[in-house]
Amino acid sequence: MLTFLTADAGSAGATGGLNSISFWIMLVALLVVLYFFMIRPQKKQEKEANELRNSLSVGDEVTTIGGIIGRVVNVKDDTFVLETTRERTKIRFERTALKRIDRKFDAPDTTETAEEAPASEEKKEN
């Protein structure tokens, strides 16, 4: 098909070369537009989804793609166990079923900050 297009454009004479060049320029421009509007955003979305799945930890409140909301009680290689309802029903899911993390579990910080440490030392001296 491409040989037909280039052969037809080449037979037109001096303007045929210009048409052939403009054809290739338009084809490359179309591929660049497709990359930036379709392929690149898709890869970015996949990367974000993988980061979300890898950041899953015990205690997080999550929503699955099926709409089930619960708290993560166990995380393994490619699955996690979700605890739902007051009866503490436990369901095992694949990590790919994770839609979003609603609330990330933050362990309480037991270390003293740099500002608090000197103040506690002053109290001990007095």
C-alpha atoms as a PDB file:
ATOM      1  CA  MET A   1       0.000   0.000   0.000  1.00  0.00           C
ATOM      2  CA  LEU A   2       2.795   2.430   0.850  1.00  0.00           C
ATOM      3  CA  THR A   3       4.610   1.618  -2.363  1.00  0.00           C
ATOM      4  CA  PHE A   4       1.452   2.488  -4.278  1.00  0.00           C
ATOM      5  CA  LEU A   5       1.197   5.859  -2.509  1.00  0.00           C
ATOM      6  CA  THR A   6       4.845   6.750  -3.008  1.00  0.00           C
ATOM      7  CA  ALA A   7       4.879   5.508  -6.611  1.00  0.00           C
ATOM      8  CA  ASP A   8       1.784   7.554  -7.416  1.00  0.00           C
ATOM      9  CA  ALA A   9       3.270  10.641  -5.773  1.00  0.00           C
ATOM     10  CA  GLY A  10       6.603  10.127  -7.559  1.00  0.00           C
ATOM     11  CA  SER A  11       4.977  10.096 -10.981  1.00  0.00           C
ATOM     12  CA  ALA A  12       3.557  13.563 -10.492  1.00  0.00           C
ATOM     13  CA  GLY A  13       6.919  15.169 -11.205  1.00  0.00           C
ATOM     14  CA  ALA A  14       8.556  17.910  -9.138  1.00  0.00           C
ATOM     15  CA  THR A  15       5.625  18.315  -6.744  1.00  0.00           C
ATOM     16  CA  GLY A  16       5.554  14.536  -6.193  1.00  0.00           C
ATOM     17  CA  GLY A  17       8.631  14.671  -3.999  1.00  0.00           C
ATOM     18  CA  LEU A  18       7.056  17.399  -1.898  1.00  0.00           C
ATOM     19  CA  ASN A  19       3.853  15.377  -1.501  1.00  0.00           C
ATOM     20  CA  SER A  20       5.854  12.344  -0.448  1.00  0.00           C
ATOM     21  CA  ILE A  21       7.745  14.333   2.185  1.00  0.00           C
ATOM     22  CA  SER A  22       4.576  15.927   3.528  1.00  0.00           C
ATOM     23  CA  PHE A  23       2.956  12.479   3.717  1.00  0.00           C
ATOM     24  CA  TRP A  24       5.795  11.153   5.903  1.00  0.00           C
ATOM     25  CA  ILE A  25       5.803  14.281   8.043  1.00  0.00           C
ATOM     26  CA  MET A  26       2.059  13.915   8.670  1.00  0.00           C
ATOM     27  CA  LEU A  27       2.477  10.214   9.459  1.00  0.00           C
ATOM     28  CA  VAL A  28       5.220  10.932  12.017  1.00  0.00           C
ATOM     29  CA  ALA A  29       3.157  13.788  13.502  1.00  0.00           C
ATOM     30  CA  LEU A  30       0.165  11.455  13.850  1.00  0.00           C
ATOM     31  CA  LEU A  31       2.289   8.857  15.655  1.00  0.00           C
ATOM     32  CA  VAL A  32       3.667  11.515  18.033  1.00  0.00           C
ATOM     33  CA  VAL A  33       0.135  12.735  18.833  1.00  0.00           C
ATOM     34  CA  LEU A  34      -1.034   9.156  19.461  1.00  0.00           C
ATOM     35  CA  TYR A  35       1.899   8.581  21.804  1.00  0.00           C
ATOM     36  CA  PHE A  36       1.291  11.708  23.892  1.00  0.00           C
ATOM     37  CA  PHE A  37      -2.501  11.362  24.094  1.00  0.00           C
ATOM     38  CA  MET A  38      -2.941   7.592  24.368  1.00  0.00           C
ATOM     39  CA  ILE A  39       0.155   5.555  25.170  1.00  0.00           C
ATOM     40  CA  ARG A  40       1.946   7.834  27.647  1.00  0.00           C
ATOM     41  CA  PRO A  41      -1.104   8.492  29.905  1.00  0.00           C
ATOM     42  CA  GLN A  42      -1.885   4.761  29.938  1.00  0.00           C
ATOM     43  CA  LYS A  43       1.643   3.899  31.089  1.00  0.00           C
ATOM     44  CA  LYS A  44       1.495   6.630  33.746  1.00  0.00           C
ATOM     45  CA  GLN A  45      -1.814   5.258  35.039  1.00  0.00           C
ATOM     46  CA  GLU A  46      -0.407   1.712  35.190  1.00  0.00           C
ATOM     47  CA  LYS A  47       2.646   2.955  37.095  1.00  0.00           C
ATOM     48  CA  GLU A  48       0.448   4.747  39.666  1.00  0.00           C
ATOM     49  CA  ALA A  49      -1.699   1.612  40.104  1.00  0.00           C
ATOM     50  CA  ASN A  50       1.415  -0.510  40.726  1.00  0.00           C
ATOM     51  CA  GLU A  51       2.711   1.989  43.289  1.00  0.00           C
ATOM     52  CA  LEU A  52      -0.686   1.910  45.036  1.00  0.00           C
ATOM     53  CA  ARG A  53      -0.667  -1.901  45.171  1.00  0.00           C
ATOM     54  CA  ASN A  54       2.898  -1.993  46.450  1.00  0.00           C
ATOM     55  CA  SER A  55       2.193   0.554  49.209  1.00  0.00           C
ATOM     56  CA  LEU A  56      -0.612  -1.567  50.687  1.00  0.00           C
ATOM     57  CA  SER A  57      -0.020  -2.413  54.354  1.00  0.00           C
ATOM     58  CA  VAL A  58      -1.880  -3.946  57.287  1.00  0.00           C
ATOM     59  CA  GLY A  59      -4.389  -1.558  58.856  1.00  0.00           C
ATOM     60  CA  ASP A  60      -5.190   0.422  55.694  1.00  0.00           C
ATOM     61  CA  GLU A  61      -8.837   1.028  54.879  1.00  0.00           C
ATOM     62  CA  VAL A  62      -9.392   0.248  51.208  1.00  0.00           C
ATOM     63  CA  THR A  63     -12.041  -0.059  48.515  1.00  0.00           C
ATOM     64  CA  THR A  64     -11.922  -2.876  45.977  1.00  0.00           C
ATOM     65  CA  ILE A  65     -12.974  -2.647  42.346  1.00  0.00           C
ATOM     66  CA  GLY A  66     -16.132  -4.527  43.350  1.00  0.00           C
ATOM     67  CA  GLY A  67     -17.052  -1.805  45.842  1.00  0.00           C
ATOM     68  CA  ILE A  68     -16.225  -3.738  49.010  1.00  0.00           C
ATOM     69  CA  ILE A  69     -14.870  -1.499  51.753  1.00  0.00           C
ATOM     70  CA  GLY A  70     -12.838  -2.850  54.631  1.00  0.00           C
ATOM     71  CA  ARG A  71      -9.617  -2.929  56.611  1.00  0.00           C
ATOM     72  CA  VAL A  72      -6.558  -4.912  55.506  1.00  0.00           C
ATOM     73  CA  VAL A  73      -5.576  -7.545  58.061  1.00  0.00           C
ATOM     74  CA  ASN A  74      -2.987  -9.525  56.097  1.00  0.00           C
ATOM     75  CA  VAL A  75      -0.799  -8.845  53.047  1.00  0.00           C
ATOM     76  CA  LYS A  76       1.029 -11.531  51.076  1.00  0.00           C
ATOM     77  CA  ASP A  77       2.873 -11.527  47.746  1.00  0.00           C
ATOM     78  CA  ASP A  78      -0.062 -11.124  45.372  1.00  0.00           C
ATOM     79  CA  THR A  79      -3.063 -11.243  47.738  1.00  0.00           C
ATOM     80  CA  PHE A  80      -4.437  -9.433  50.749  1.00  0.00           C
ATOM     81  CA  VAL A  81      -7.116 -10.256  53.316  1.00  0.00           C
ATOM     82  CA  LEU A  82      -9.839  -7.690  53.909  1.00  0.00           C
ATOM     83  CA  GLU A  83     -11.941  -7.562  57.074  1.00  0.00           C
ATOM     84  CA  THR A  84     -15.462  -6.176  56.609  1.00  0.00           C
ATOM     85  CA  THR A  85     -18.599  -5.572  58.704  1.00  0.00           C
ATOM     86  CA  ARG A  86     -19.062  -5.816  62.432  1.00  0.00           C
ATOM     87  CA  GLU A  87     -19.007  -9.600  62.288  1.00  0.00           C
ATOM     88  CA  ARG A  88     -15.392  -9.317  61.091  1.00  0.00           C
ATOM     89  CA  THR A  89     -15.925 -11.232  57.880  1.00  0.00           C
ATOM     90  CA  LYS A  90     -12.582 -11.866  56.188  1.00  0.00           C
ATOM     91  CA  ILE A  91     -12.262 -12.075  52.419  1.00  0.00           C
ATOM     92  CA  ARG A  92      -9.084 -12.724  50.423  1.00  0.00           C
ATOM     93  CA  PHE A  93      -8.479 -10.636  47.275  1.00  0.00           C
ATOM     94  CA  GLU A  94      -5.777 -10.351  44.653  1.00  0.00           C
ATOM     95  CA  ARG A  95      -3.842  -7.091  44.753  1.00  0.00           C
ATOM     96  CA  THR A  96      -5.145  -6.254  41.292  1.00  0.00           C
ATOM     97  CA  ALA A  97      -8.642  -5.939  42.826  1.00  0.00           C
ATOM     98  CA  LEU A  98      -7.543  -2.858  44.799  1.00  0.00           C
ATOM     99  CA  LYS A  99      -9.227   0.320  43.613  1.00  0.00           C
ATOM    100  CA  ARG A 100      -7.999   2.873  46.154  1.00  0.00           C
ATOM    101  CA  ILE A 101      -6.667   3.281  49.667  1.00  0.00           C
ATOM    102  CA  ASP A 102      -9.257   5.331  51.573  1.00  0.00           C
ATOM    103  CA  ARG A 103      -7.225   5.850  54.731  1.00  0.00           C
ATOM    104  CA  LYS A 104      -3.591   4.924  55.158  1.00  0.00           C
ATOM    105  CA  PHE A 105      -2.666   3.373  58.510  1.00  0.00           C
ATOM    106  CA  ASP A 106      -0.154   5.604  60.264  1.00  0.00           C
ATOM    107  CA  ALA A 107       1.627   4.036  63.197  1.00  0.00           C
ATOM    108  CA  PRO A 108       2.040   6.454  66.135  1.00  0.00           C
ATOM    109  CA  ASP A 109       5.445   8.085  66.235  1.00  0.00           C
ATOM    110  CA  THR A 110       7.139   7.191  69.535  1.00  0.00           C
ATOM    111  CA  THR A 111      10.444   8.930  68.847  1.00  0.00           C
ATOM    112  CA  GLU A 112      11.107  12.355  70.325  1.00  0.00           C
ATOM    113  CA  THR A 113      11.670  15.247  67.986  1.00  0.00           C
ATOM    114  CA  ALA A 114      14.868  17.288  68.113  1.00  0.00           C
ATOM    115  CA  GLU A 115      13.070  20.178  69.839  1.00  0.00           C
ATOM    116  CA  GLU A 116      11.591  18.017  72.609  1.00  0.00           C
ATOM    117  CA  ALA A 117      14.834  16.223  73.492  1.00  0.00           C
ATOM    118  CA  PRO A 118      16.734  19.256  74.955  1.00  0.00           C
ATOM    119  CA  ALA A 119      13.659  20.334  76.933  1.00  0.00           C
ATOM    120  CA  SER A 120      13.438  16.925  78.621  1.00  0.00           C
ATOM    121  CA  GLU A 121      17.166  17.026  79.448  1.00  0.00           C
ATOM    122  CA  GLU A 122      16.786  20.462  81.099  1.00  0.00           C
ATOM    123  CA  LYS A 123      14.001  19.130  83.330  1.00  0.00           C
ATOM    124  CA  LYS A 124      16.211  16.264  84.467  1.00  0.00           C
ATOM    125  CA  GLU A 125      19.042  18.623  85.430  1.00  0.00           C
ATOM    126  CA  ASN A 126      16.832  20.882  87.604  1.00  0.00           C
END
